[in-house]
Amino acid sequence: MTQKQLTGIVVSDKMDKTIVVRVEQLKKHSKYLRRFKAHETYKAHDEKNEYKEGEHVVIEETRPLSRDKRWRVIGKAAI
């Protein structure tokens, strides 16, 4: 079984060993067929505190690490 991987932008790095990542998706409205952006934020584990605000990162689903953290950082995104 493979874990989900998402690409997003770091919006906060103020916590110790944790970053907040904003992931944007392009969706289509079911009735009006107009495309729109939707986003969601995830807390991800950053062991070495190496990722800073504004960087593009890839996160991967993992076991629960705390009450809110279910993702960990894989690396920088190739954008």
Protein backbone atom coordinates (compact mmCIF):
# COMPACT_ATOMS: atom_id res chain seq x y z
CA MET A 1 0.00 0.00 0.00
CA THR A 2 1.38 3.41 -0.95
CA GLN A 3 0.96 6.58 1.02
CA LYS A 4 -0.60 9.69 -0.48
CA GLN A 5 1.80 12.43 -1.51
CA LEU A 6 0.83 16.08 -1.84
CA THR A 7 2.71 19.18 -2.98
CA GLY A 8 2.21 22.52 -1.28
CA ILE A 9 3.70 25.73 0.07
CA VAL A 10 4.94 26.20 3.64
CA VAL A 11 2.80 28.92 5.26
CA SER A 12 4.19 28.65 8.82
CA ASP A 13 7.37 27.31 10.38
CA LYS A 14 7.01 28.76 13.89
CA MET A 15 6.46 25.44 15.70
CA ASP A 16 9.31 23.14 16.69
CA LYS A 17 9.69 20.21 14.24
CA THR A 18 6.35 21.08 12.61
CA ILE A 19 5.41 23.10 9.53
CA VAL A 20 2.02 24.07 8.14
CA VAL A 21 1.62 23.30 4.43
CA ARG A 22 -1.11 24.78 2.20
CA VAL A 23 -2.16 22.48 -0.65
CA GLU A 24 -4.19 23.98 -3.52
CA GLN A 25 -6.42 22.04 -5.89
CA LEU A 26 -8.27 23.07 -9.03
CA LYS A 27 -11.87 21.83 -8.86
CA LYS A 28 -14.83 22.04 -11.21
CA HIS A 29 -18.30 23.05 -10.06
CA SER A 30 -20.77 20.24 -10.70
CA LYS A 31 -23.61 22.41 -11.99
CA TYR A 32 -21.96 25.49 -13.50
CA LEU A 33 -18.78 23.71 -14.69
CA ARG A 34 -16.64 26.67 -13.67
CA ARG A 35 -13.17 25.83 -12.37
CA PHE A 36 -12.08 27.27 -9.03
CA LYS A 37 -9.21 26.95 -6.57
CA ALA A 38 -9.75 25.20 -3.26
CA HIS A 39 -7.09 24.84 -0.57
CA GLU A 40 -6.51 22.92 2.64
CA THR A 41 -3.78 23.16 5.29
CA TYR A 42 -1.90 20.23 6.79
CA LYS A 43 0.55 20.05 9.69
CA ALA A 44 3.63 18.08 8.69
CA HIS A 45 6.61 16.74 10.64
CA ASP A 46 9.94 18.46 9.87
CA GLU A 47 12.57 16.69 11.99
CA LYS A 48 15.48 19.09 11.38
CA ASN A 49 13.52 22.37 11.10
CA GLU A 50 15.06 22.87 7.64
CA TYR A 51 12.05 24.12 5.63
CA LYS A 52 11.14 27.79 5.82
CA GLU A 53 8.06 29.81 4.98
CA GLY A 54 7.40 30.17 1.24
CA GLU A 55 9.19 27.00 0.10
CA HIS A 56 7.47 24.36 -2.04
CA VAL A 57 7.56 20.91 -0.36
CA VAL A 58 6.27 17.38 -0.88
CA ILE A 59 4.51 15.77 2.09
CA GLU A 60 3.58 12.12 2.62
CA GLU A 61 0.85 10.52 4.68
CA THR A 62 2.09 8.66 7.78
CA ARG A 63 0.88 7.25 11.08
CA PRO A 64 -0.46 9.77 13.62
CA LEU A 65 2.48 11.63 15.19
CA SER A 66 0.40 13.90 17.44
CA ARG A 67 -3.18 15.11 17.73
CA ASP A 68 -2.98 17.07 14.48
CA LYS A 69 0.05 15.69 12.60
CA ARG A 70 -0.54 12.87 10.11
CA TRP A 71 1.95 13.98 7.43
CA ARG A 72 5.75 14.19 7.15
CA VAL A 73 7.96 16.14 4.79
CA ILE A 74 9.69 14.15 2.03
CA GLY A 75 11.67 16.99 0.44
CA LYS A 76 11.52 20.09 -1.70
CA ALA A 77 9.21 20.05 -4.69
CA ALA A 78 10.71 20.29 -8.17
CA ILE A 79 8.93 23.39 -9.44
